[in-house]
Amino acid sequence: MIVQSIPTARVMTYGDIATVAGQPRAARIVGQLAHYGDPKLPWHRVVNRFGGLASGYYGGRDGQKLVLEAEGIAVDDTFTLKDFERLRWLP
């Protein structure tokens, strides 16, 4: 699975995952999977196309921020990754 393969301290966007899965226009479906899918997967490593955190993440943006910061990823006060392009991972 794509989400499971995202390395620690790296991120992908919902659109990136959809594209890698062969459905480049299915970013919203990936978002639904993130919300309702397997909670054991590292969904905290999935962000929006601007590097923003998800309000629907368990614990909200604050919860996602805590988990990302524990991996060494800096998040600013607007819940956006500070170095998004460097952190973005494409298999």
PDB file of N, CA and C in Angstrom:
ATOM      1  N   MET A   1       0.839  -1.184   0.000  1.00  0.00           N
ATOM      2  CA  MET A   1       0.000   0.000   0.000  1.00  0.00           C
ATOM      3  C   MET A   1       0.880   1.242   0.000  1.00  0.00           C
ATOM      4  N   ILE A   2       0.420   2.255  -0.662  1.00  0.00           N
ATOM      5  CA  ILE A   2       1.210   3.473  -0.851  1.00  0.00           C
ATOM      6  C   ILE A   2       1.452   4.198   0.465  1.00  0.00           C
ATOM      7  N   VAL A   3       0.410   4.396   1.252  1.00  0.00           N
ATOM      8  CA  VAL A   3       0.549   5.134   2.510  1.00  0.00           C
ATOM      9  C   VAL A   3       1.545   4.446   3.429  1.00  0.00           C
ATOM     10  N   GLN A   4       1.485   3.159   3.484  1.00  0.00           N
ATOM     11  CA  GLN A   4       2.392   2.382   4.338  1.00  0.00           C
ATOM     12  C   GLN A   4       3.849   2.552   3.916  1.00  0.00           C
ATOM     13  N   SER A   5       4.084   2.866   2.658  1.00  0.00           N
ATOM     14  CA  SER A   5       5.454   2.978   2.161  1.00  0.00           C
ATOM     15  C   SER A   5       6.070   4.367   2.349  1.00  0.00           C
ATOM     16  N   ILE A   6       5.296   5.339   2.830  1.00  0.00           N
ATOM     17  CA  ILE A   6       5.849   6.687   3.040  1.00  0.00           C
ATOM     18  C   ILE A   6       6.880   6.605   4.162  1.00  0.00           C
ATOM     19  N   PRO A   7       8.123   7.001   3.871  1.00  0.00           N
ATOM     20  CA  PRO A   7       9.167   6.904   4.897  1.00  0.00           C
ATOM     21  C   PRO A   7       8.910   7.847   6.081  1.00  0.00           C
ATOM     22  N   THR A   8       9.459   7.495   7.214  1.00  0.00           N
ATOM     23  CA  THR A   8       9.406   8.358   8.388  1.00  0.00           C
ATOM     24  C   THR A   8       9.990   9.720   8.039  1.00  0.00           C
ATOM     25  N   ALA A   9       9.346  10.777   8.538  1.00  0.00           N
ATOM     26  CA  ALA A   9       9.784  12.166   8.344  1.00  0.00           C
ATOM     27  C   ALA A   9       9.664  12.626   6.888  1.00  0.00           C
ATOM     28  N   ARG A  10       8.816  11.977   6.117  1.00  0.00           N
ATOM     29  CA  ARG A  10       8.504  12.403   4.746  1.00  0.00           C
ATOM     30  C   ARG A  10       6.994  12.435   4.608  1.00  0.00           C
ATOM     31  N   VAL A  11       6.478  13.133   3.598  1.00  0.00           N
ATOM     32  CA  VAL A  11       5.034  13.251   3.408  1.00  0.00           C
ATOM     33  C   VAL A  11       4.656  13.100   1.937  1.00  0.00           C
ATOM     34  N   MET A  12       3.399  12.797   1.726  1.00  0.00           N
ATOM     35  CA  MET A  12       2.805  12.806   0.391  1.00  0.00           C
ATOM     36  C   MET A  12       1.496  13.577   0.490  1.00  0.00           C
ATOM     37  N   THR A  13       1.019  14.084  -0.640  1.00  0.00           N
ATOM     38  CA  THR A  13      -0.289  14.725  -0.656  1.00  0.00           C
ATOM     39  C   THR A  13      -1.345  13.698  -1.037  1.00  0.00           C
ATOM     40  N   TYR A  14      -2.600  14.062  -0.806  1.00  0.00           N
ATOM     41  CA  TYR A  14      -3.704  13.200  -1.217  1.00  0.00           C
ATOM     42  C   TYR A  14      -3.634  12.976  -2.725  1.00  0.00           C
ATOM     43  N   GLY A  15      -3.334  14.035  -3.470  1.00  0.00           N
ATOM     44  CA  GLY A  15      -3.213  13.934  -4.925  1.00  0.00           C
ATOM     45  C   GLY A  15      -2.047  13.071  -5.362  1.00  0.00           C
ATOM     46  N   ASP A  16      -0.930  13.161  -4.652  1.00  0.00           N
ATOM     47  CA  ASP A  16       0.231  12.317  -4.966  1.00  0.00           C
ATOM     48  C   ASP A  16      -0.158  10.839  -4.860  1.00  0.00           C
ATOM     49  N   ILE A  17      -0.854  10.505  -3.781  1.00  0.00           N
ATOM     50  CA  ILE A  17      -1.254   9.113  -3.558  1.00  0.00           C
ATOM     51  C   ILE A  17      -2.214   8.663  -4.657  1.00  0.00           C
ATOM     52  N   ALA A  18      -3.164   9.518  -5.002  1.00  0.00           N
ATOM     53  CA  ALA A  18      -4.117   9.181  -6.062  1.00  0.00           C
ATOM     54  C   ALA A  18      -3.383   8.955  -7.384  1.00  0.00           C
ATOM     55  N   THR A  19      -2.425   9.811  -7.699  1.00  0.00           N
ATOM     56  CA  THR A  19      -1.675   9.692  -8.949  1.00  0.00           C
ATOM     57  C   THR A  19      -0.867   8.399  -8.987  1.00  0.00           C
ATOM     58  N   VAL A  20      -0.162   8.108  -7.894  1.00  0.00           N
ATOM     59  CA  VAL A  20       0.629   6.875  -7.836  1.00  0.00           C
ATOM     60  C   VAL A  20      -0.275   5.649  -7.956  1.00  0.00           C
ATOM     61  N   ALA A  21      -1.494   5.751  -7.443  1.00  0.00           N
ATOM     62  CA  ALA A  21      -2.456   4.644  -7.526  1.00  0.00           C
ATOM     63  C   ALA A  21      -3.102   4.534  -8.906  1.00  0.00           C
ATOM     64  N   GLY A  22      -2.760   5.453  -9.807  1.00  0.00           N
ATOM     65  CA  GLY A  22      -3.296   5.400 -11.159  1.00  0.00           C
ATOM     66  C   GLY A  22      -4.610   6.140 -11.346  1.00  0.00           C
ATOM     67  N   GLN A  23      -5.000   6.935 -10.360  1.00  0.00           N
ATOM     68  CA  GLN A  23      -6.248   7.702 -10.414  1.00  0.00           C
ATOM     69  C   GLN A  23      -5.974   9.164 -10.046  1.00  0.00           C
ATOM     70  N   PRO A  24      -5.316   9.923 -10.935  1.00  0.00           N
ATOM     71  CA  PRO A  24      -4.858  11.270 -10.583  1.00  0.00           C
ATOM     72  C   PRO A  24      -5.953  12.251 -10.166  1.00  0.00           C
ATOM     73  N   ARG A  25      -7.193  11.961 -10.469  1.00  0.00           N
ATOM     74  CA  ARG A  25      -8.280  12.874 -10.107  1.00  0.00           C
ATOM     75  C   ARG A  25      -9.044  12.403  -8.869  1.00  0.00           C
ATOM     76  N   ALA A  26      -8.478  11.496  -8.104  1.00  0.00           N
ATOM     77  CA  ALA A  26      -9.179  10.883  -6.973  1.00  0.00           C
ATOM     78  C   ALA A  26      -8.646  11.326  -5.605  1.00  0.00           C
ATOM     79  N   ALA A  27      -8.120  12.539  -5.516  1.00  0.00           N
ATOM     80  CA  ALA A  27      -7.577  13.014  -4.239  1.00  0.00           C
ATOM     81  C   ALA A  27      -8.640  13.023  -3.139  1.00  0.00           C
ATOM     82  N   ARG A  28      -9.863  13.365  -3.484  1.00  0.00           N
ATOM     83  CA  ARG A  28     -10.929  13.391  -2.465  1.00  0.00           C
ATOM     84  C   ARG A  28     -11.221  11.986  -1.939  1.00  0.00           C
ATOM     85  N   ILE A  29     -11.127  11.011  -2.798  1.00  0.00           N
ATOM     86  CA  ILE A  29     -11.345   9.628  -2.357  1.00  0.00           C
ATOM     87  C   ILE A  29     -10.238   9.219  -1.389  1.00  0.00           C
ATOM     88  N   VAL A  30      -9.017   9.630  -1.674  1.00  0.00           N
ATOM     89  CA  VAL A  30      -7.909   9.341  -0.755  1.00  0.00           C
ATOM     90  C   VAL A  30      -8.186  10.005   0.589  1.00  0.00           C
ATOM     91  N   GLY A  31      -8.726  11.217   0.560  1.00  0.00           N
ATOM     92  CA  GLY A  31      -9.081  11.902   1.802  1.00  0.00           C
ATOM     93  C   GLY A  31     -10.114  11.123   2.600  1.00  0.00           C
ATOM     94  N   GLN A  32     -11.088  10.538   1.922  1.00  0.00           N
ATOM     95  CA  GLN A  32     -12.089   9.717   2.600  1.00  0.00           C
ATOM     96  C   GLN A  32     -11.451   8.464   3.193  1.00  0.00           C
ATOM     97  N   LEU A  33     -10.541   7.873   2.443  1.00  0.00           N
ATOM     98  CA  LEU A  33      -9.824   6.703   2.971  1.00  0.00           C
ATOM     99  C   LEU A  33      -9.022   7.077   4.221  1.00  0.00           C
ATOM    100  N   ALA A  34      -8.431   8.252   4.197  1.00  0.00           N
ATOM    101  CA  ALA A  34      -7.663   8.699   5.352  1.00  0.00           C
ATOM    102  C   ALA A  34      -8.570   8.856   6.571  1.00  0.00           C
ATOM    103  N   HIS A  35      -9.766   9.340   6.329  1.00  0.00           N
ATOM    104  CA  HIS A  35     -10.693   9.589   7.435  1.00  0.00           C
ATOM    105  C   HIS A  35     -11.316   8.301   7.969  1.00  0.00           C
ATOM    106  N   TYR A  36     -11.637   7.393   7.058  1.00  0.00           N
ATOM    107  CA  TYR A  36     -12.346   6.172   7.456  1.00  0.00           C
ATOM    108  C   TYR A  36     -11.509   4.895   7.352  1.00  0.00           C
ATOM    109  N   GLY A  37     -10.298   5.019   6.838  1.00  0.00           N
ATOM    110  CA  GLY A  37      -9.479   3.835   6.595  1.00  0.00           C
ATOM    111  C   GLY A  37      -8.776   3.299   7.825  1.00  0.00           C
ATOM    112  N   ASP A  38      -7.890   2.384   7.587  1.00  0.00           N
ATOM    113  CA  ASP A  38      -7.156   1.689   8.640  1.00  0.00           C
ATOM    114  C   ASP A  38      -6.343   2.676   9.491  1.00  0.00           C
ATOM    115  N   PRO A  39      -6.664   2.809  10.767  1.00  0.00           N
ATOM    116  CA  PRO A  39      -5.943   3.762  11.614  1.00  0.00           C
ATOM    117  C   PRO A  39      -4.506   3.338  11.924  1.00  0.00           C
ATOM    118  N   LYS A  40      -4.138   2.118  11.554  1.00  0.00           N
ATOM    119  CA  LYS A  40      -2.767   1.659  11.800  1.00  0.00           C
ATOM    120  C   LYS A  40      -1.794   2.191  10.752  1.00  0.00           C
ATOM    121  N   LEU A  41      -2.311   2.728   9.657  1.00  0.00           N
ATOM    122  CA  LEU A  41      -1.452   3.278   8.607  1.00  0.00           C
ATOM    123  C   LEU A  41      -0.975   4.678   9.009  1.00  0.00           C
ATOM    124  N   PRO A  42       0.164   5.125   8.493  1.00  0.00           N
ATOM    125  CA  PRO A  42       0.700   6.434   8.876  1.00  0.00           C
ATOM    126  C   PRO A  42       0.018   7.600   8.145  1.00  0.00           C
ATOM    127  N   TRP A  43      -1.278   7.768   8.386  1.00  0.00           N
ATOM    128  CA  TRP A  43      -2.029   8.843   7.720  1.00  0.00           C
ATOM    129  C   TRP A  43      -1.529  10.218   8.122  1.00  0.00           C
ATOM    130  N   HIS A  44      -0.808  10.321   9.223  1.00  0.00           N
ATOM    131  CA  HIS A  44      -0.272  11.617   9.629  1.00  0.00           C
ATOM    132  C   HIS A  44       0.738  12.149   8.617  1.00  0.00           C
ATOM    133  N   ARG A  45       1.251  11.286   7.758  1.00  0.00           N
ATOM    134  CA  ARG A  45       2.228  11.697   6.740  1.00  0.00           C
ATOM    135  C   ARG A  45       1.569  12.140   5.443  1.00  0.00           C
ATOM    136  N   VAL A  46       0.263  12.288   5.455  1.00  0.00           N
ATOM    137  CA  VAL A  46      -0.479  12.727   4.275  1.00  0.00           C
ATOM    138  C   VAL A  46      -1.023  14.127   4.543  1.00  0.00           C
ATOM    139  N   VAL A  47      -0.714  15.053   3.636  1.00  0.00           N
ATOM    140  CA  VAL A  47      -1.097  16.458   3.786  1.00  0.00           C
ATOM    141  C   VAL A  47      -1.769  16.950   2.512  1.00  0.00           C
ATOM    142  N   ASN A  48      -2.307  18.160   2.554  1.00  0.00           N
ATOM    143  CA  ASN A  48      -2.927  18.691   1.338  1.00  0.00           C
ATOM    144  C   ASN A  48      -1.878  19.217   0.364  1.00  0.00           C
ATOM    145  N   ARG A  49      -2.307  19.662  -0.773  1.00  0.00           N
ATOM    146  CA  ARG A  49      -1.368  20.053  -1.845  1.00  0.00           C
ATOM    147  C   ARG A  49      -0.499  21.256  -1.502  1.00  0.00           C
ATOM    148  N   PHE A  50      -0.839  21.966  -0.433  1.00  0.00           N
ATOM    149  CA  PHE A  50      -0.043  23.109   0.009  1.00  0.00           C
ATOM    150  C   PHE A  50       0.833  22.775   1.213  1.00  0.00           C
ATOM    151  N   GLY A  51       0.775  21.509   1.653  1.00  0.00           N
ATOM    152  CA  GLY A  51       1.522  21.106   2.840  1.00  0.00           C
ATOM    153  C   GLY A  51       0.765  21.370   4.124  1.00  0.00           C
ATOM    154  N   GLY A  52      -0.548  21.578   3.998  1.00  0.00           N
ATOM    155  CA  GLY A  52      -1.381  21.843   5.166  1.00  0.00           C
ATOM    156  C   GLY A  52      -1.872  20.564   5.829  1.00  0.00           C
ATOM    157  N   LEU A  53      -2.092  20.654   7.128  1.00  0.00           N
ATOM    158  CA  LEU A  53      -2.557  19.506   7.898  1.00  0.00           C
ATOM    159  C   LEU A  53      -4.069  19.346   7.786  1.00  0.00           C
ATOM    160  N   ALA A  54      -4.552  18.168   8.161  1.00  0.00           N
ATOM    161  CA  ALA A  54      -5.967  17.814   7.988  1.00  0.00           C
ATOM    162  C   ALA A  54      -6.763  18.047   9.262  1.00  0.00           C
ATOM    163  N   SER A  55      -7.847  18.787   9.145  1.00  0.00           N
ATOM    164  CA  SER A  55      -8.721  19.006  10.304  1.00  0.00           C
ATOM    165  C   SER A  55      -9.435  17.721  10.697  1.00  0.00           C
ATOM    166  N   GLY A  56      -9.593  16.793   9.760  1.00  0.00           N
ATOM    167  CA  GLY A  56     -10.271  15.541  10.039  1.00  0.00           C
ATOM    168  C   GLY A  56      -9.384  14.468  10.655  1.00  0.00           C
ATOM    169  N   TYR A  57      -8.112  14.770  10.834  1.00  0.00           N
ATOM    170  CA  TYR A  57      -7.197  13.818  11.460  1.00  0.00           C
ATOM    171  C   TYR A  57      -7.632  13.607  12.905  1.00  0.00           C
ATOM    172  N   TYR A  58      -7.428  12.397  13.435  1.00  0.00           N
ATOM    173  CA  TYR A  58      -7.772  12.120  14.829  1.00  0.00           C
ATOM    174  C   TYR A  58      -7.029  13.110  15.720  1.00  0.00           C
ATOM    175  N   GLY A  59      -7.759  13.886  16.472  1.00  0.00           N
ATOM    176  CA  GLY A  59      -7.147  14.928  17.292  1.00  0.00           C
ATOM    177  C   GLY A  59      -7.020  16.240  16.556  1.00  0.00           C
ATOM    178  N   GLY A  60      -7.531  16.295  15.316  1.00  0.00           N
ATOM    179  CA  GLY A  60      -7.487  17.518  14.521  1.00  0.00           C
ATOM    180  C   GLY A  60      -6.076  17.873  14.068  1.00  0.00           C
ATOM    181  N   ARG A  61      -5.932  19.097  13.616  1.00  0.00           N
ATOM    182  CA  ARG A  61      -4.619  19.550  13.140  1.00  0.00           C
ATOM    183  C   ARG A  61      -3.579  19.513  14.257  1.00  0.00           C
ATOM    184  N   ASP A  62      -4.026  19.802  15.483  1.00  0.00           N
ATOM    185  CA  ASP A  62      -3.084  19.740  16.615  1.00  0.00           C
ATOM    186  C   ASP A  62      -2.539  18.328  16.805  1.00  0.00           C
ATOM    187  N   GLY A  63      -3.404  17.328  16.657  1.00  0.00           N
ATOM    188  CA  GLY A  63      -2.973  15.938  16.796  1.00  0.00           C
ATOM    189  C   GLY A  63      -1.994  15.537  15.716  1.00  0.00           C
ATOM    190  N   GLN A  64      -2.290  15.933  14.463  1.00  0.00           N
ATOM    191  CA  GLN A  64      -1.389  15.606  13.360  1.00  0.00           C
ATOM    192  C   GLN A  64      -0.053  16.331  13.542  1.00  0.00           C
ATOM    193  N   LYS A  65      -0.114  17.569  13.990  1.00  0.00           N
ATOM    194  CA  LYS A  65       1.108  18.337  14.215  1.00  0.00           C
ATOM    195  C   LYS A  65       2.003  17.651  15.248  1.00  0.00           C
ATOM    196  N   LEU A  66       1.425  17.177  16.337  1.00  0.00           N
ATOM    197  CA  LEU A  66       2.210  16.503  17.374  1.00  0.00           C
ATOM    198  C   LEU A  66       2.942  15.282  16.839  1.00  0.00           C
ATOM    199  N   VAL A  67       2.244  14.478  16.046  1.00  0.00           N
ATOM    200  CA  VAL A  67       2.861  13.251  15.520  1.00  0.00           C
ATOM    201  C   VAL A  67       3.956  13.599  14.512  1.00  0.00           C
ATOM    202  N   LEU A  68       3.701  14.579  13.645  1.00  0.00           N
ATOM    203  CA  LEU A  68       4.714  14.973  12.670  1.00  0.00           C
ATOM    204  C   LEU A  68       5.941  15.572  13.357  1.00  0.00           C
ATOM    205  N   GLU A  69       5.721  16.412  14.343  1.00  0.00           N
ATOM    206  CA  GLU A  69       6.857  17.008  15.055  1.00  0.00           C
ATOM    207  C   GLU A  69       7.664  15.952  15.795  1.00  0.00           C
ATOM    208  N   ALA A  70       7.008  14.895  16.255  1.00  0.00           N
ATOM    209  CA  ALA A  70       7.730  13.792  16.905  1.00  0.00           C
ATOM    210  C   ALA A  70       8.665  13.098  15.927  1.00  0.00           C
ATOM    211  N   GLU A  71       8.361  13.194  14.626  1.00  0.00           N
ATOM    212  CA  GLU A  71       9.228  12.622  13.592  1.00  0.00           C
ATOM    213  C   GLU A  71      10.261  13.631  13.098  1.00  0.00           C
ATOM    214  N   GLY A  72      10.241  14.841  13.653  1.00  0.00           N
ATOM    215  CA  GLY A  72      11.214  15.854  13.257  1.00  0.00           C
ATOM    216  C   GLY A  72      10.744  16.781  12.160  1.00  0.00           C
ATOM    217  N   ILE A  73       9.469  16.765  11.850  1.00  0.00           N
ATOM    218  CA  ILE A  73       8.914  17.633  10.810  1.00  0.00           C
ATOM    219  C   ILE A  73       8.387  18.909  11.456  1.00  0.00           C
ATOM    220  N   ALA A  74       8.878  20.049  11.000  1.00  0.00           N
ATOM    221  CA  ALA A  74       8.464  21.337  11.552  1.00  0.00           C
ATOM    222  C   ALA A  74       7.147  21.790  10.909  1.00  0.00           C
ATOM    223  N   VAL A  75       6.236  22.245  11.761  1.00  0.00           N
ATOM    224  CA  VAL A  75       4.931  22.738  11.320  1.00  0.00           C
ATOM    225  C   VAL A  75       4.764  24.151  11.878  1.00  0.00           C
ATOM    226  N   ASP A  76       4.308  25.092  11.035  1.00  0.00           N
ATOM    227  CA  ASP A  76       4.170  26.469  11.515  1.00  0.00           C
ATOM    228  C   ASP A  76       2.833  26.699  12.220  1.00  0.00           C
ATOM    229  N   ASP A  77       2.589  27.935  12.635  1.00  0.00           N
ATOM    230  CA  ASP A  77       1.388  28.273  13.394  1.00  0.00           C
ATOM    231  C   ASP A  77       0.101  28.179  12.587  1.00  0.00           C
ATOM    232  N   THR A  78       0.224  28.114  11.252  1.00  0.00           N
ATOM    233  CA  THR A  78      -0.963  27.965  10.403  1.00  0.00           C
ATOM    234  C   THR A  78      -1.200  26.505  10.031  1.00  0.00           C
ATOM    235  N   PHE A  79      -0.514  25.600  10.730  1.00  0.00           N
ATOM    236  CA  PHE A  79      -0.625  24.151  10.508  1.00  0.00           C
ATOM    237  C   PHE A  79      -0.198  23.760   9.092  1.00  0.00           C
ATOM    238  N   THR A  80       0.886  24.372   8.643  1.00  0.00           N
ATOM    239  CA  THR A  80       1.477  24.080   7.338  1.00  0.00           C
ATOM    240  C   THR A  80       2.925  23.662   7.557  1.00  0.00           C
ATOM    241  N   LEU A  81       3.372  22.669   6.790  1.00  0.00           N
ATOM    242  CA  LEU A  81       4.761  22.214   6.909  1.00  0.00           C
ATOM    243  C   LEU A  81       5.706  23.334   6.524  1.00  0.00           C
ATOM    244  N   LYS A  82       6.764  23.512   7.287  1.00  0.00           N
ATOM    245  CA  LYS A  82       7.704  24.601   7.026  1.00  0.00           C
ATOM    246  C   LYS A  82       8.573  24.359   5.806  1.00  0.00           C
ATOM    247  N   ASP A  83       8.863  23.117   5.479  1.00  0.00           N
ATOM    248  CA  ASP A  83       9.740  22.805   4.352  1.00  0.00           C
ATOM    249  C   ASP A  83       9.082  21.736   3.485  1.00  0.00           C
ATOM    250  N   PHE A  84       7.863  22.024   3.066  1.00  0.00           N
ATOM    251  CA  PHE A  84       7.030  21.052   2.372  1.00  0.00           C
ATOM    252  C   PHE A  84       7.700  20.415   1.156  1.00  0.00           C
ATOM    253  N   GLU A  85       8.241  21.190   0.253  1.00  0.00           N
ATOM    254  CA  GLU A  85       8.815  20.614  -0.973  1.00  0.00           C
ATOM    255  C   GLU A  85       9.986  19.676  -0.696  1.00  0.00           C
ATOM    256  N   ARG A  86      10.779  19.974   0.317  1.00  0.00           N
ATOM    257  CA  ARG A  86      11.902  19.090   0.663  1.00  0.00           C
ATOM    258  C   ARG A  86      11.399  17.793   1.308  1.00  0.00           C
ATOM    259  N   LEU A  87      10.313  17.881   2.056  1.00  0.00           N
ATOM    260  CA  LEU A  87       9.772  16.723   2.767  1.00  0.00           C
ATOM    261  C   LEU A  87       8.906  15.830   1.884  1.00  0.00           C
ATOM    262  N   ARG A  88       8.449  16.384   0.777  1.00  0.00           N
ATOM    263  CA  ARG A  88       7.532  15.642  -0.104  1.00  0.00           C
ATOM    264  C   ARG A  88       8.250  14.438  -0.715  1.00  0.00           C
ATOM    265  N   TRP A  89       7.589  13.299  -0.649  1.00  0.00           N
ATOM    266  CA  TRP A  89       8.178  12.053  -1.142  1.00  0.00           C
ATOM    267  C   TRP A  89       7.313  11.498  -2.265  1.00  0.00           C
ATOM    268  N   LEU A  90       7.949  11.178  -3.375  1.00  0.00           N
ATOM    269  CA  LEU A  90       7.263  10.543  -4.501  1.00  0.00           C
ATOM    270  C   LEU A  90       8.020   9.261  -4.840  1.00  0.00           C
ATOM    271  N   PRO A  91       7.344   8.120  -4.716  1.00  0.00           N
ATOM    272  CA  PRO A  91       8.022   6.841  -4.993  1.00  0.00           C
ATOM    273  C   PRO A  91       8.402   6.700  -6.466  1.00  0.00           C
TER     274      PRO A  91
END
